[in-house]
Amino acid sequence: MACNQPQKQKESESSFALKTAYEGKFYIGAALNTPQIQGTDTVSLAVVKQHFNSIVAENCMKNEVIHPMQNQYNFELSDKFVAFGEQNQLFIIGHTLVWHSQVAPWFFVDHQGNKVTRDTLINRLKDHIYTIVGRYKGRVNGWDVVNEALDDSDGIRKSPWTEIIGDDFIELAFKFAHEADPAAELYYNDYNLYDPRKRAECVKLVQNLKQRVLK
């Protein structure tokens, strides 16, 4: 009997899955990088399939990757990411539609290198969101619409978005995302929300969005 115990323990460990342990309570999610999306990192993909029931894009949907030029979109990796989620019946989250970092250089300037006008940037923002969310409408379950827009200690972070559009770029982004796919869940994503001041700013921001956008 004793000699069989290690084998039984190994079989038990291999059949255990976090996603079933917390089923019905919340999703267990993982961010997928390029080797995983392309299928070359088979070891970690096996872990994802066993333990996770939700995935989020790490970099393939960020502005500089998916929209590198004004009239050019690159959906190669994002298409594979979404297809992997569908094939494995995972809850799929797109990340991220708007961020102050990893934005393609052309996005905030005109052909002469000058800052674009508020109206121009709003139109670019709308096109960006409509194109991406529209492509995956009904397939991507939720979107990190705006990422890390809060400064650690001073409310809305200063960025080209606020300099050219103003703080309402956040509201506009959520409005466009909701219009592009009314059924998708929409998220605001940030870090260090254990800090009471930043958490309070985040709560205020989300409450305002719920009142003004998601009526």
N, C-alpha and C. Protein backbone atom coordinates (compact mmCIF):
# COMPACT_ATOMS: atom_id res chain seq x y z
N MET A 1 0.82 -1.20 0.00
CA MET A 1 0.00 0.00 0.00
C MET A 1 0.86 1.26 0.00
N ALA A 2 1.89 1.25 0.81
CA ALA A 2 2.71 2.43 0.96
C ALA A 2 3.40 2.81 -0.34
N CYS A 3 3.80 1.80 -1.13
CA CYS A 3 4.53 2.11 -2.36
C CYS A 3 3.65 2.75 -3.42
N ASN A 4 2.32 2.64 -3.28
CA ASN A 4 1.42 3.24 -4.26
C ASN A 4 1.08 4.70 -3.96
N GLN A 5 1.36 5.17 -2.78
CA GLN A 5 0.97 6.51 -2.37
C GLN A 5 1.58 7.62 -3.22
N PRO A 6 2.88 7.57 -3.55
CA PRO A 6 3.44 8.64 -4.38
C PRO A 6 2.76 8.75 -5.73
N GLN A 7 2.43 7.61 -6.36
CA GLN A 7 1.77 7.64 -7.65
C GLN A 7 0.38 8.24 -7.54
N LYS A 8 -0.36 7.87 -6.50
CA LYS A 8 -1.70 8.43 -6.29
C LYS A 8 -1.63 9.93 -6.06
N GLN A 9 -0.61 10.36 -5.30
CA GLN A 9 -0.46 11.78 -5.04
C GLN A 9 -0.15 12.53 -6.33
N LYS A 10 0.70 11.96 -7.18
CA LYS A 10 1.05 12.59 -8.45
C LYS A 10 -0.17 12.72 -9.34
N GLU A 11 -0.99 11.65 -9.41
CA GLU A 11 -2.20 11.70 -10.23
C GLU A 11 -3.17 12.76 -9.71
N SER A 12 -3.26 12.87 -8.37
CA SER A 12 -4.15 13.86 -7.77
C SER A 12 -3.70 15.26 -8.10
N GLU A 13 -2.37 15.48 -8.02
CA GLU A 13 -1.84 16.81 -8.32
C GLU A 13 -2.06 17.18 -9.79
N SER A 14 -1.92 16.22 -10.69
CA SER A 14 -2.06 16.50 -12.11
C SER A 14 -3.50 16.79 -12.50
N SER A 15 -4.46 16.28 -11.73
CA SER A 15 -5.87 16.49 -12.05
C SER A 15 -6.43 17.73 -11.38
N PHE A 16 -5.70 18.30 -10.43
CA PHE A 16 -6.17 19.50 -9.74
C PHE A 16 -6.12 20.70 -10.66
N ALA A 17 -7.13 21.56 -10.58
CA ALA A 17 -7.16 22.77 -11.40
C ALA A 17 -7.73 23.92 -10.59
N LEU A 18 -7.03 25.05 -10.59
CA LEU A 18 -7.51 26.22 -9.86
C LEU A 18 -8.86 26.67 -10.39
N LYS A 19 -9.07 26.59 -11.69
CA LYS A 19 -10.31 27.10 -12.28
C LYS A 19 -11.54 26.33 -11.79
N THR A 20 -11.36 25.05 -11.48
CA THR A 20 -12.50 24.30 -10.95
C THR A 20 -12.65 24.50 -9.45
N ALA A 21 -11.54 24.73 -8.76
CA ALA A 21 -11.60 24.96 -7.32
C ALA A 21 -12.41 26.22 -7.00
N TYR A 22 -12.35 27.22 -7.90
CA TYR A 22 -13.05 28.48 -7.65
C TYR A 22 -14.20 28.70 -8.64
N GLU A 23 -14.65 27.64 -9.26
CA GLU A 23 -15.72 27.74 -10.25
C GLU A 23 -16.99 28.31 -9.62
N GLY A 24 -17.58 29.26 -10.31
CA GLY A 24 -18.79 29.89 -9.81
C GLY A 24 -18.53 31.06 -8.88
N LYS A 25 -17.26 31.27 -8.51
CA LYS A 25 -16.90 32.38 -7.62
C LYS A 25 -16.22 33.49 -8.38
N PHE A 26 -15.15 33.18 -9.09
CA PHE A 26 -14.48 34.17 -9.92
C PHE A 26 -13.57 33.44 -10.91
N TYR A 27 -13.18 34.19 -11.94
CA TYR A 27 -12.28 33.62 -12.95
C TYR A 27 -10.85 33.62 -12.44
N ILE A 28 -10.08 32.64 -12.91
CA ILE A 28 -8.64 32.60 -12.69
C ILE A 28 -7.99 32.96 -14.01
N GLY A 29 -7.30 34.08 -14.06
CA GLY A 29 -6.81 34.58 -15.34
C GLY A 29 -5.31 34.61 -15.48
N ALA A 30 -4.87 34.61 -16.74
CA ALA A 30 -3.44 34.68 -17.06
C ALA A 30 -3.25 35.61 -18.26
N ALA A 31 -2.13 36.34 -18.26
CA ALA A 31 -1.77 37.17 -19.41
C ALA A 31 -0.91 36.35 -20.35
N LEU A 32 -1.25 36.38 -21.64
CA LEU A 32 -0.51 35.60 -22.63
C LEU A 32 0.47 36.48 -23.40
N ASN A 33 1.73 36.03 -23.46
CA ASN A 33 2.75 36.75 -24.21
C ASN A 33 2.86 36.18 -25.63
N THR A 34 3.78 36.73 -26.41
CA THR A 34 3.89 36.34 -27.81
C THR A 34 4.22 34.86 -28.01
N PRO A 35 5.23 34.29 -27.32
CA PRO A 35 5.51 32.86 -27.53
C PRO A 35 4.32 31.96 -27.18
N GLN A 36 3.56 32.35 -26.18
CA GLN A 36 2.38 31.56 -25.82
C GLN A 36 1.30 31.68 -26.89
N ILE A 37 1.08 32.89 -27.39
CA ILE A 37 0.06 33.10 -28.41
C ILE A 37 0.43 32.38 -29.70
N GLN A 38 1.71 32.36 -30.02
CA GLN A 38 2.17 31.70 -31.23
C GLN A 38 2.26 30.18 -31.07
N GLY A 39 2.12 29.71 -29.84
CA GLY A 39 2.11 28.28 -29.59
C GLY A 39 3.47 27.64 -29.41
N THR A 40 4.52 28.46 -29.31
CA THR A 40 5.87 27.89 -29.18
C THR A 40 6.22 27.56 -27.73
N ASP A 41 5.61 28.25 -26.78
CA ASP A 41 5.85 27.96 -25.36
C ASP A 41 4.80 26.95 -24.90
N THR A 42 5.01 25.71 -25.25
CA THR A 42 4.01 24.67 -24.99
C THR A 42 3.89 24.32 -23.51
N VAL A 43 4.97 24.50 -22.76
CA VAL A 43 4.95 24.15 -21.34
C VAL A 43 3.98 25.07 -20.58
N SER A 44 4.13 26.37 -20.76
CA SER A 44 3.25 27.29 -20.04
C SER A 44 1.83 27.24 -20.58
N LEU A 45 1.66 26.93 -21.87
CA LEU A 45 0.31 26.80 -22.42
C LEU A 45 -0.44 25.65 -21.78
N ALA A 46 0.28 24.59 -21.46
CA ALA A 46 -0.36 23.45 -20.78
C ALA A 46 -0.85 23.87 -19.40
N VAL A 47 -0.09 24.73 -18.73
CA VAL A 47 -0.50 25.24 -17.43
C VAL A 47 -1.74 26.12 -17.57
N VAL A 48 -1.74 26.96 -18.59
CA VAL A 48 -2.89 27.83 -18.84
C VAL A 48 -4.15 27.00 -19.06
N LYS A 49 -4.06 25.98 -19.90
CA LYS A 49 -5.22 25.16 -20.20
C LYS A 49 -5.72 24.39 -18.98
N GLN A 50 -4.79 24.00 -18.10
CA GLN A 50 -5.20 23.22 -16.93
C GLN A 50 -5.81 24.08 -15.83
N HIS A 51 -5.20 25.24 -15.58
CA HIS A 51 -5.55 25.98 -14.37
C HIS A 51 -6.37 27.25 -14.59
N PHE A 52 -6.43 27.76 -15.81
CA PHE A 52 -7.03 29.07 -16.02
C PHE A 52 -8.28 29.00 -16.90
N ASN A 53 -9.22 29.89 -16.61
CA ASN A 53 -10.43 29.97 -17.43
C ASN A 53 -10.65 31.37 -17.98
N SER A 54 -9.64 32.22 -17.87
CA SER A 54 -9.69 33.56 -18.45
C SER A 54 -8.29 33.95 -18.92
N ILE A 55 -8.23 34.67 -20.04
CA ILE A 55 -6.95 35.16 -20.52
C ILE A 55 -7.05 36.63 -20.88
N VAL A 56 -5.93 37.33 -20.77
CA VAL A 56 -5.85 38.73 -21.16
C VAL A 56 -4.61 38.89 -22.03
N ALA A 57 -4.70 39.79 -23.01
CA ALA A 57 -3.56 40.04 -23.88
C ALA A 57 -2.49 40.82 -23.12
N GLU A 58 -1.23 40.37 -23.22
CA GLU A 58 -0.15 41.09 -22.55
C GLU A 58 0.26 42.33 -23.36
N ASN A 59 0.66 42.14 -24.60
CA ASN A 59 1.13 43.27 -25.41
C ASN A 59 0.51 43.35 -26.81
N CYS A 60 -0.07 42.28 -27.31
CA CYS A 60 -0.46 42.23 -28.72
C CYS A 60 -1.60 43.17 -29.09
N MET A 61 -2.33 43.70 -28.11
CA MET A 61 -3.42 44.62 -28.40
C MET A 61 -3.08 46.06 -28.01
N LYS A 62 -1.86 46.30 -27.56
CA LYS A 62 -1.46 47.66 -27.21
C LYS A 62 -1.25 48.47 -28.49
N ASN A 63 -1.43 49.76 -28.37
CA ASN A 63 -1.50 50.65 -29.52
C ASN A 63 -0.34 50.48 -30.50
N GLU A 64 0.89 50.50 -30.02
CA GLU A 64 2.04 50.47 -30.91
C GLU A 64 2.17 49.16 -31.68
N VAL A 65 1.55 48.10 -31.16
CA VAL A 65 1.60 46.79 -31.82
C VAL A 65 0.46 46.63 -32.82
N ILE A 66 -0.74 46.94 -32.38
CA ILE A 66 -1.92 46.65 -33.19
C ILE A 66 -2.24 47.76 -34.19
N HIS A 67 -1.72 48.98 -33.95
CA HIS A 67 -2.03 50.13 -34.82
C HIS A 67 -0.75 50.94 -35.05
N PRO A 68 0.28 50.33 -35.66
CA PRO A 68 1.60 50.96 -35.76
C PRO A 68 1.65 52.19 -36.67
N MET A 69 0.79 52.24 -37.68
CA MET A 69 0.73 53.37 -38.60
C MET A 69 -0.72 53.83 -38.71
N GLN A 70 -0.88 55.08 -39.15
CA GLN A 70 -2.22 55.67 -39.14
C GLN A 70 -3.25 54.84 -39.89
N ASN A 71 -2.90 54.34 -41.03
CA ASN A 71 -3.86 53.57 -41.83
C ASN A 71 -3.49 52.10 -41.90
N GLN A 72 -2.85 51.62 -40.86
CA GLN A 72 -2.41 50.23 -40.84
C GLN A 72 -2.68 49.59 -39.48
N TYR A 73 -3.38 48.48 -39.51
CA TYR A 73 -3.60 47.68 -38.30
C TYR A 73 -2.91 46.34 -38.47
N ASN A 74 -2.42 45.80 -37.36
CA ASN A 74 -1.76 44.50 -37.38
C ASN A 74 -2.50 43.57 -36.42
N PHE A 75 -3.34 42.71 -36.99
CA PHE A 75 -4.17 41.84 -36.18
C PHE A 75 -3.64 40.40 -36.09
N GLU A 76 -2.44 40.17 -36.57
CA GLU A 76 -1.93 38.80 -36.63
C GLU A 76 -1.92 38.14 -35.25
N LEU A 77 -1.28 38.77 -34.27
CA LEU A 77 -1.20 38.16 -32.95
C LEU A 77 -2.53 38.24 -32.20
N SER A 78 -3.23 39.35 -32.32
CA SER A 78 -4.50 39.49 -31.60
C SER A 78 -5.53 38.48 -32.11
N ASP A 79 -5.53 38.20 -33.42
CA ASP A 79 -6.43 37.18 -33.96
C ASP A 79 -6.12 35.81 -33.37
N LYS A 80 -4.83 35.49 -33.26
CA LYS A 80 -4.43 34.20 -32.69
C LYS A 80 -4.77 34.13 -31.20
N PHE A 81 -4.61 35.25 -30.51
CA PHE A 81 -4.95 35.31 -29.08
C PHE A 81 -6.44 35.01 -28.87
N VAL A 82 -7.29 35.67 -29.64
CA VAL A 82 -8.74 35.47 -29.50
C VAL A 82 -9.12 34.06 -29.91
N ALA A 83 -8.52 33.56 -30.98
CA ALA A 83 -8.82 32.20 -31.43
C ALA A 83 -8.45 31.16 -30.36
N PHE A 84 -7.32 31.36 -29.70
CA PHE A 84 -6.92 30.45 -28.62
C PHE A 84 -7.95 30.46 -27.50
N GLY A 85 -8.42 31.63 -27.14
CA GLY A 85 -9.44 31.72 -26.10
C GLY A 85 -10.72 31.03 -26.47
N GLU A 86 -11.14 31.20 -27.72
CA GLU A 86 -12.37 30.56 -28.18
C GLU A 86 -12.22 29.04 -28.23
N GLN A 87 -11.09 28.58 -28.73
CA GLN A 87 -10.86 27.14 -28.85
C GLN A 87 -10.86 26.43 -27.50
N ASN A 88 -10.46 27.17 -26.47
CA ASN A 88 -10.36 26.58 -25.13
C ASN A 88 -11.46 27.07 -24.19
N GLN A 89 -12.46 27.73 -24.75
CA GLN A 89 -13.65 28.19 -24.00
C GLN A 89 -13.25 29.03 -22.79
N LEU A 90 -12.41 30.02 -23.05
CA LEU A 90 -11.92 30.91 -22.00
C LEU A 90 -12.64 32.26 -22.06
N PHE A 91 -12.70 32.92 -20.93
CA PHE A 91 -13.24 34.28 -20.86
C PHE A 91 -12.13 35.20 -21.34
N ILE A 92 -12.36 35.92 -22.43
CA ILE A 92 -11.31 36.67 -23.11
C ILE A 92 -11.39 38.16 -22.78
N ILE A 93 -10.24 38.72 -22.38
CA ILE A 93 -10.16 40.15 -22.05
C ILE A 93 -9.13 40.82 -22.95
N GLY A 94 -9.53 41.89 -23.61
CA GLY A 94 -8.62 42.67 -24.44
C GLY A 94 -7.94 43.75 -23.63
N HIS A 95 -6.66 43.94 -23.88
CA HIS A 95 -5.85 44.91 -23.13
C HIS A 95 -4.82 45.55 -24.06
N THR A 96 -4.78 46.84 -24.17
CA THR A 96 -5.66 47.83 -23.61
C THR A 96 -5.96 48.83 -24.73
N LEU A 97 -7.13 49.44 -24.72
CA LEU A 97 -7.50 50.35 -25.79
C LEU A 97 -6.83 51.71 -25.67
N VAL A 98 -6.65 52.20 -24.45
CA VAL A 98 -6.05 53.52 -24.24
C VAL A 98 -5.07 53.48 -23.08
N TRP A 99 -3.85 53.93 -23.35
CA TRP A 99 -2.80 54.00 -22.32
C TRP A 99 -1.87 55.14 -22.70
N HIS A 100 -1.21 55.72 -21.72
CA HIS A 100 -0.25 56.79 -22.00
C HIS A 100 1.08 56.25 -22.50
N SER A 101 1.31 54.95 -22.29
CA SER A 101 2.55 54.30 -22.70
C SER A 101 2.30 53.37 -23.88
N GLN A 102 3.38 53.00 -24.58
CA GLN A 102 3.32 52.09 -25.73
C GLN A 102 2.29 52.53 -26.77
N VAL A 103 2.30 53.84 -27.03
CA VAL A 103 1.46 54.41 -28.09
C VAL A 103 2.33 54.62 -29.33
N ALA A 104 1.83 54.27 -30.49
CA ALA A 104 2.59 54.47 -31.72
C ALA A 104 2.95 55.95 -31.88
N PRO A 105 4.17 56.27 -32.32
CA PRO A 105 4.64 57.66 -32.40
C PRO A 105 3.74 58.60 -33.20
N TRP A 106 3.06 58.08 -34.21
CA TRP A 106 2.26 58.94 -35.08
C TRP A 106 0.98 59.43 -34.43
N PHE A 107 0.55 58.81 -33.37
CA PHE A 107 -0.82 58.98 -32.89
C PHE A 107 -1.14 60.40 -32.43
N PHE A 108 -0.18 61.09 -31.85
CA PHE A 108 -0.46 62.41 -31.27
C PHE A 108 0.01 63.57 -32.14
N VAL A 109 0.60 63.29 -33.32
CA VAL A 109 1.17 64.36 -34.13
C VAL A 109 0.66 64.30 -35.57
N ASP A 110 0.81 65.44 -36.27
CA ASP A 110 0.44 65.48 -37.68
C ASP A 110 1.66 65.13 -38.54
N HIS A 111 1.55 65.32 -39.85
CA HIS A 111 2.63 64.95 -40.76
C HIS A 111 3.86 65.84 -40.59
N GLN A 112 3.69 67.02 -39.99
CA GLN A 112 4.82 67.91 -39.74
C GLN A 112 5.43 67.70 -38.35
N GLY A 113 4.86 66.78 -37.58
CA GLY A 113 5.38 66.52 -36.25
C GLY A 113 4.81 67.41 -35.17
N ASN A 114 3.80 68.20 -35.51
CA ASN A 114 3.15 69.06 -34.52
C ASN A 114 1.99 68.33 -33.85
N LYS A 115 1.69 68.72 -32.62
CA LYS A 115 0.58 68.10 -31.92
C LYS A 115 -0.72 68.31 -32.70
N VAL A 116 -1.51 67.24 -32.78
CA VAL A 116 -2.79 67.35 -33.47
C VAL A 116 -3.79 68.12 -32.62
N THR A 117 -4.89 68.51 -33.22
CA THR A 117 -5.94 69.22 -32.50
C THR A 117 -6.76 68.23 -31.66
N ARG A 118 -7.55 68.78 -30.77
CA ARG A 118 -8.43 67.96 -29.94
C ARG A 118 -9.37 67.13 -30.82
N ASP A 119 -10.00 67.76 -31.80
CA ASP A 119 -10.94 67.04 -32.66
C ASP A 119 -10.26 65.91 -33.43
N THR A 120 -9.05 66.16 -33.91
CA THR A 120 -8.33 65.13 -34.65
C THR A 120 -8.01 63.94 -33.77
N LEU A 121 -7.54 64.21 -32.55
CA LEU A 121 -7.19 63.11 -31.66
C LEU A 121 -8.43 62.33 -31.23
N ILE A 122 -9.53 63.03 -31.02
CA ILE A 122 -10.78 62.33 -30.68
C ILE A 122 -11.19 61.41 -31.83
N ASN A 123 -11.07 61.89 -33.06
CA ASN A 123 -11.43 61.06 -34.22
C ASN A 123 -10.50 59.85 -34.34
N ARG A 124 -9.22 60.05 -34.05
CA ARG A 124 -8.27 58.93 -34.08
C ARG A 124 -8.60 57.92 -32.98
N LEU A 125 -8.94 58.42 -31.82
CA LEU A 125 -9.31 57.55 -30.71
C LEU A 125 -10.55 56.74 -31.07
N LYS A 126 -11.53 57.40 -31.64
CA LYS A 126 -12.78 56.72 -32.01
C LYS A 126 -12.51 55.64 -33.06
N ASP A 127 -11.73 55.98 -34.08
CA ASP A 127 -11.42 55.00 -35.12
C ASP A 127 -10.68 53.80 -34.55
N HIS A 128 -9.72 54.07 -33.68
CA HIS A 128 -8.93 53.02 -33.05
C HIS A 128 -9.82 52.05 -32.28
N ILE A 129 -10.68 52.60 -31.45
CA ILE A 129 -11.55 51.77 -30.61
C ILE A 129 -12.62 51.07 -31.44
N TYR A 130 -13.28 51.80 -32.34
CA TYR A 130 -14.31 51.18 -33.18
C TYR A 130 -13.75 50.04 -34.00
N THR A 131 -12.54 50.22 -34.54
CA THR A 131 -11.95 49.19 -35.41
C THR A 131 -11.61 47.94 -34.62
N ILE A 132 -10.96 48.11 -33.48
CA ILE A 132 -10.51 46.95 -32.70
C ILE A 132 -11.67 46.26 -32.00
N VAL A 133 -12.46 47.01 -31.28
CA VAL A 133 -13.59 46.40 -30.57
C VAL A 133 -14.59 45.84 -31.57
N GLY A 134 -14.80 46.56 -32.66
CA GLY A 134 -15.73 46.09 -33.68
C GLY A 134 -15.28 44.78 -34.32
N ARG A 135 -13.99 44.61 -34.51
CA ARG A 135 -13.47 43.39 -35.11
C ARG A 135 -13.78 42.17 -34.24
N TYR A 136 -13.72 42.37 -32.92
CA TYR A 136 -13.90 41.25 -31.99
C TYR A 136 -15.25 41.30 -31.26
N LYS A 137 -16.18 42.04 -31.81
CA LYS A 137 -17.51 42.14 -31.20
C LYS A 137 -18.13 40.76 -31.04
N GLY A 138 -18.60 40.48 -29.83
CA GLY A 138 -19.22 39.18 -29.57
C GLY A 138 -18.22 38.07 -29.33
N ARG A 139 -16.93 38.37 -29.43
CA ARG A 139 -15.89 37.35 -29.24
C ARG A 139 -15.02 37.66 -28.02
N VAL A 140 -14.64 38.92 -27.87
CA VAL A 140 -13.92 39.34 -26.67
C VAL A 140 -14.96 39.73 -25.61
N ASN A 141 -14.85 39.13 -24.44
CA ASN A 141 -15.88 39.31 -23.40
C ASN A 141 -15.77 40.63 -22.66
N GLY A 142 -14.55 41.11 -22.49
CA GLY A 142 -14.36 42.35 -21.75
C GLY A 142 -13.12 43.08 -22.22
N TRP A 143 -13.10 44.41 -21.99
CA TRP A 143 -11.98 45.25 -22.43
C TRP A 143 -11.44 46.10 -21.29
N ASP A 144 -10.12 46.11 -21.15
CA ASP A 144 -9.47 47.15 -20.35
C ASP A 144 -9.46 48.38 -21.24
N VAL A 145 -10.46 49.23 -21.06
CA VAL A 145 -10.63 50.36 -21.96
C VAL A 145 -9.53 51.40 -21.75
N VAL A 146 -9.36 51.81 -20.50
CA VAL A 146 -8.32 52.79 -20.16
C VAL A 146 -7.42 52.18 -19.09
N ASN A 147 -6.13 52.36 -19.28
CA ASN A 147 -5.14 51.75 -18.40
C ASN A 147 -4.29 52.82 -17.70
N GLU A 148 -4.25 52.75 -16.38
CA GLU A 148 -3.33 53.56 -15.57
C GLU A 148 -3.42 55.05 -15.85
N ALA A 149 -4.62 55.58 -15.87
CA ALA A 149 -4.81 57.02 -16.12
C ALA A 149 -4.66 57.86 -14.87
N LEU A 150 -4.53 57.22 -13.71
CA LEU A 150 -4.40 57.95 -12.45
C LEU A 150 -2.95 58.06 -12.02
N ASP A 151 -2.56 59.24 -11.62
CA ASP A 151 -1.24 59.45 -11.03
C ASP A 151 -1.25 58.88 -9.61
N ASP A 152 -0.10 58.52 -9.11
CA ASP A 152 -0.06 57.91 -7.77
C ASP A 152 -0.52 58.85 -6.67
N SER A 153 -0.44 60.16 -6.89
CA SER A 153 -0.78 61.08 -5.79
C SER A 153 -1.56 62.31 -6.22
N ASP A 154 -1.88 62.44 -7.51
CA ASP A 154 -2.43 63.72 -7.95
C ASP A 154 -3.55 63.59 -8.97
N GLY A 155 -4.45 62.65 -8.77
CA GLY A 155 -5.60 62.53 -9.66
C GLY A 155 -5.23 62.04 -11.05
N ILE A 156 -5.86 62.62 -12.08
CA ILE A 156 -5.63 62.17 -13.45
C ILE A 156 -4.18 62.46 -13.86
N ARG A 157 -3.54 61.45 -14.42
CA ARG A 157 -2.15 61.57 -14.86
C ARG A 157 -2.04 62.55 -16.04
N LYS A 158 -0.99 63.39 -16.02
CA LYS A 158 -0.72 64.27 -17.15
C LYS A 158 -0.11 63.44 -18.28
N SER A 159 -0.67 63.55 -19.46
CA SER A 159 -0.21 62.78 -20.60
C SER A 159 -0.66 63.50 -21.87
N PRO A 160 -0.20 63.04 -23.04
CA PRO A 160 -0.70 63.65 -24.28
C PRO A 160 -2.23 63.59 -24.40
N TRP A 161 -2.84 62.57 -23.81
CA TRP A 161 -4.30 62.48 -23.84
C TRP A 161 -4.93 63.66 -23.12
N THR A 162 -4.43 63.99 -21.94
CA THR A 162 -5.00 65.11 -21.19
C THR A 162 -4.58 66.45 -21.78
N GLU A 163 -3.37 66.53 -22.30
CA GLU A 163 -2.88 67.78 -22.87
C GLU A 163 -3.66 68.18 -24.11
N ILE A 164 -4.04 67.20 -24.94
CA ILE A 164 -4.70 67.51 -26.20
C ILE A 164 -6.22 67.44 -26.09
N ILE A 165 -6.74 66.40 -25.44
CA ILE A 165 -8.19 66.24 -25.32
C ILE A 165 -8.72 66.82 -24.01
N GLY A 166 -8.02 66.52 -22.92
CA GLY A 166 -8.51 66.88 -21.59
C GLY A 166 -8.86 65.62 -20.82
N ASP A 167 -9.24 65.77 -19.56
CA ASP A 167 -9.56 64.61 -18.73
C ASP A 167 -10.72 63.77 -19.28
N ASP A 168 -11.54 64.37 -20.12
CA ASP A 168 -12.70 63.63 -20.63
C ASP A 168 -12.32 62.61 -21.70
N PHE A 169 -11.02 62.45 -22.00
CA PHE A 169 -10.63 61.38 -22.92
C PHE A 169 -11.05 60.03 -22.36
N ILE A 170 -11.09 59.92 -21.04
CA ILE A 170 -11.47 58.65 -20.40
C ILE A 170 -12.94 58.36 -20.69
N GLU A 171 -13.77 59.35 -20.46
CA GLU A 171 -15.20 59.17 -20.72
C GLU A 171 -15.46 58.87 -22.19
N LEU A 172 -14.75 59.56 -23.08
CA LEU A 172 -14.92 59.33 -24.51
C LEU A 172 -14.52 57.92 -24.89
N ALA A 173 -13.42 57.43 -24.32
CA ALA A 173 -12.96 56.08 -24.63
C ALA A 173 -14.00 55.04 -24.23
N PHE A 174 -14.59 55.19 -23.06
CA PHE A 174 -15.61 54.25 -22.62
C PHE A 174 -16.87 54.38 -23.48
N LYS A 175 -17.21 55.58 -23.86
CA LYS A 175 -18.37 55.80 -24.72
C LYS A 175 -18.18 55.09 -26.06
N PHE A 176 -17.02 55.25 -26.67
CA PHE A 176 -16.76 54.63 -27.96
C PHE A 176 -16.74 53.10 -27.85
N ALA A 177 -16.13 52.59 -26.77
CA ALA A 177 -16.07 51.14 -26.58
C ALA A 177 -17.47 50.56 -26.40
N HIS A 178 -18.30 51.25 -25.64
CA HIS A 178 -19.67 50.78 -25.40
C HIS A 178 -20.48 50.81 -26.70
N GLU A 179 -20.27 51.83 -27.51
CA GLU A 179 -20.97 51.92 -28.78
C GLU A 179 -20.52 50.80 -29.73
N ALA A 180 -19.23 50.48 -29.69
CA ALA A 180 -18.69 49.47 -30.60
C ALA A 180 -19.15 48.07 -30.25
N ASP A 181 -19.35 47.80 -28.97
CA ASP A 181 -19.87 46.49 -28.54
C ASP A 181 -20.62 46.66 -27.22
N PRO A 182 -21.92 46.95 -27.29
CA PRO A 182 -22.71 47.21 -26.09
C PRO A 182 -22.76 46.03 -25.12
N ALA A 183 -22.49 44.82 -25.59
CA ALA A 183 -22.58 43.65 -24.72
C ALA A 183 -21.29 43.36 -23.97
N ALA A 184 -20.20 43.95 -24.38
CA ALA A 184 -18.90 43.66 -23.74
C ALA A 184 -18.79 44.33 -22.37
N GLU A 185 -18.13 43.66 -21.44
CA GLU A 185 -17.81 44.28 -20.16
C GLU A 185 -16.67 45.26 -20.37
N LEU A 186 -16.75 46.40 -19.69
CA LEU A 186 -15.74 47.44 -19.84
C LEU A 186 -15.07 47.71 -18.49
N TYR A 187 -13.74 47.77 -18.50
CA TYR A 187 -12.99 47.90 -17.26
C TYR A 187 -12.06 49.11 -17.29
N TYR A 188 -11.86 49.67 -16.10
CA TYR A 188 -10.75 50.61 -15.90
C TYR A 188 -9.68 49.85 -15.13
N ASN A 189 -8.44 49.89 -15.60
CA ASN A 189 -7.37 49.10 -15.00
C ASN A 189 -6.28 50.01 -14.42
N ASP A 190 -5.81 49.69 -13.21
CA ASP A 190 -4.75 50.48 -12.60
C ASP A 190 -4.01 49.64 -11.56
N TYR A 191 -2.97 50.22 -10.99
CA TYR A 191 -2.14 49.54 -10.01
C TYR A 191 -2.10 50.36 -8.71
N ASN A 192 -1.52 49.80 -7.66
CA ASN A 192 -1.36 50.47 -6.36
C ASN A 192 -2.68 50.96 -5.76
N LEU A 193 -3.75 50.23 -6.01
CA LEU A 193 -5.04 50.66 -5.45
C LEU A 193 -5.20 50.29 -3.98
N TYR A 194 -4.14 49.74 -3.40
CA TYR A 194 -4.13 49.57 -1.94
C TYR A 194 -3.94 50.91 -1.25
N ASP A 195 -3.42 51.90 -1.98
CA ASP A 195 -3.22 53.23 -1.42
C ASP A 195 -4.57 53.94 -1.29
N PRO A 196 -4.95 54.38 -0.10
CA PRO A 196 -6.28 54.96 0.12
C PRO A 196 -6.59 56.14 -0.79
N ARG A 197 -5.61 57.02 -1.03
CA ARG A 197 -5.85 58.20 -1.86
C ARG A 197 -6.12 57.80 -3.31
N LYS A 198 -5.28 56.92 -3.83
CA LYS A 198 -5.47 56.51 -5.22
C LYS A 198 -6.74 55.69 -5.37
N ARG A 199 -7.03 54.87 -4.38
CA ARG A 199 -8.25 54.06 -4.44
C ARG A 199 -9.48 54.96 -4.45
N ALA A 200 -9.47 56.00 -3.64
CA ALA A 200 -10.60 56.93 -3.60
C ALA A 200 -10.79 57.63 -4.95
N GLU A 201 -9.68 58.01 -5.59
CA GLU A 201 -9.76 58.62 -6.92
C GLU A 201 -10.32 57.65 -7.95
N CYS A 202 -9.92 56.40 -7.82
CA CYS A 202 -10.41 55.38 -8.76
C CYS A 202 -11.90 55.13 -8.58
N VAL A 203 -12.34 55.05 -7.35
CA VAL A 203 -13.77 54.85 -7.08
C VAL A 203 -14.58 56.01 -7.64
N LYS A 204 -14.09 57.21 -7.43
CA LYS A 204 -14.78 58.40 -7.95
C LYS A 204 -14.85 58.37 -9.47
N LEU A 205 -13.74 57.98 -10.09
CA LEU A 205 -13.69 57.90 -11.55
C LEU A 205 -14.69 56.89 -12.09
N VAL A 206 -14.72 55.71 -11.50
CA VAL A 206 -15.61 54.64 -11.97
C VAL A 206 -17.07 55.01 -11.75
N GLN A 207 -17.38 55.60 -10.60
CA GLN A 207 -18.76 56.02 -10.33
C GLN A 207 -19.23 57.05 -11.35
N ASN A 208 -18.34 57.97 -11.70
CA ASN A 208 -18.68 59.00 -12.69
C ASN A 208 -18.92 58.37 -14.06
N LEU A 209 -18.09 57.39 -14.43
CA LEU A 209 -18.26 56.73 -15.71
C LEU A 209 -19.58 55.97 -15.77
N LYS A 210 -19.92 55.31 -14.69
CA LYS A 210 -21.18 54.56 -14.65
C LYS A 210 -22.37 55.48 -14.82
N GLN A 211 -22.29 56.66 -14.27
CA GLN A 211 -23.40 57.61 -14.34
C GLN A 211 -23.50 58.26 -15.73
N ARG A 212 -22.34 58.54 -16.33
CA ARG A 212 -22.33 59.34 -17.56
C ARG A 212 -22.28 58.51 -18.84
N VAL A 213 -21.72 57.31 -18.76
CA VAL A 213 -21.53 56.51 -19.97
C VAL A 213 -22.43 55.28 -20.00
N LEU A 214 -22.39 54.51 -18.94
CA LEU A 214 -23.09 53.24 -18.92
C LEU A 214 -24.45 53.39 -18.22
N LYS A 215 -25.28 54.27 -18.70
CA LYS A 215 -26.57 54.53 -18.08
C LYS A 215 -27.53 53.36 -18.28
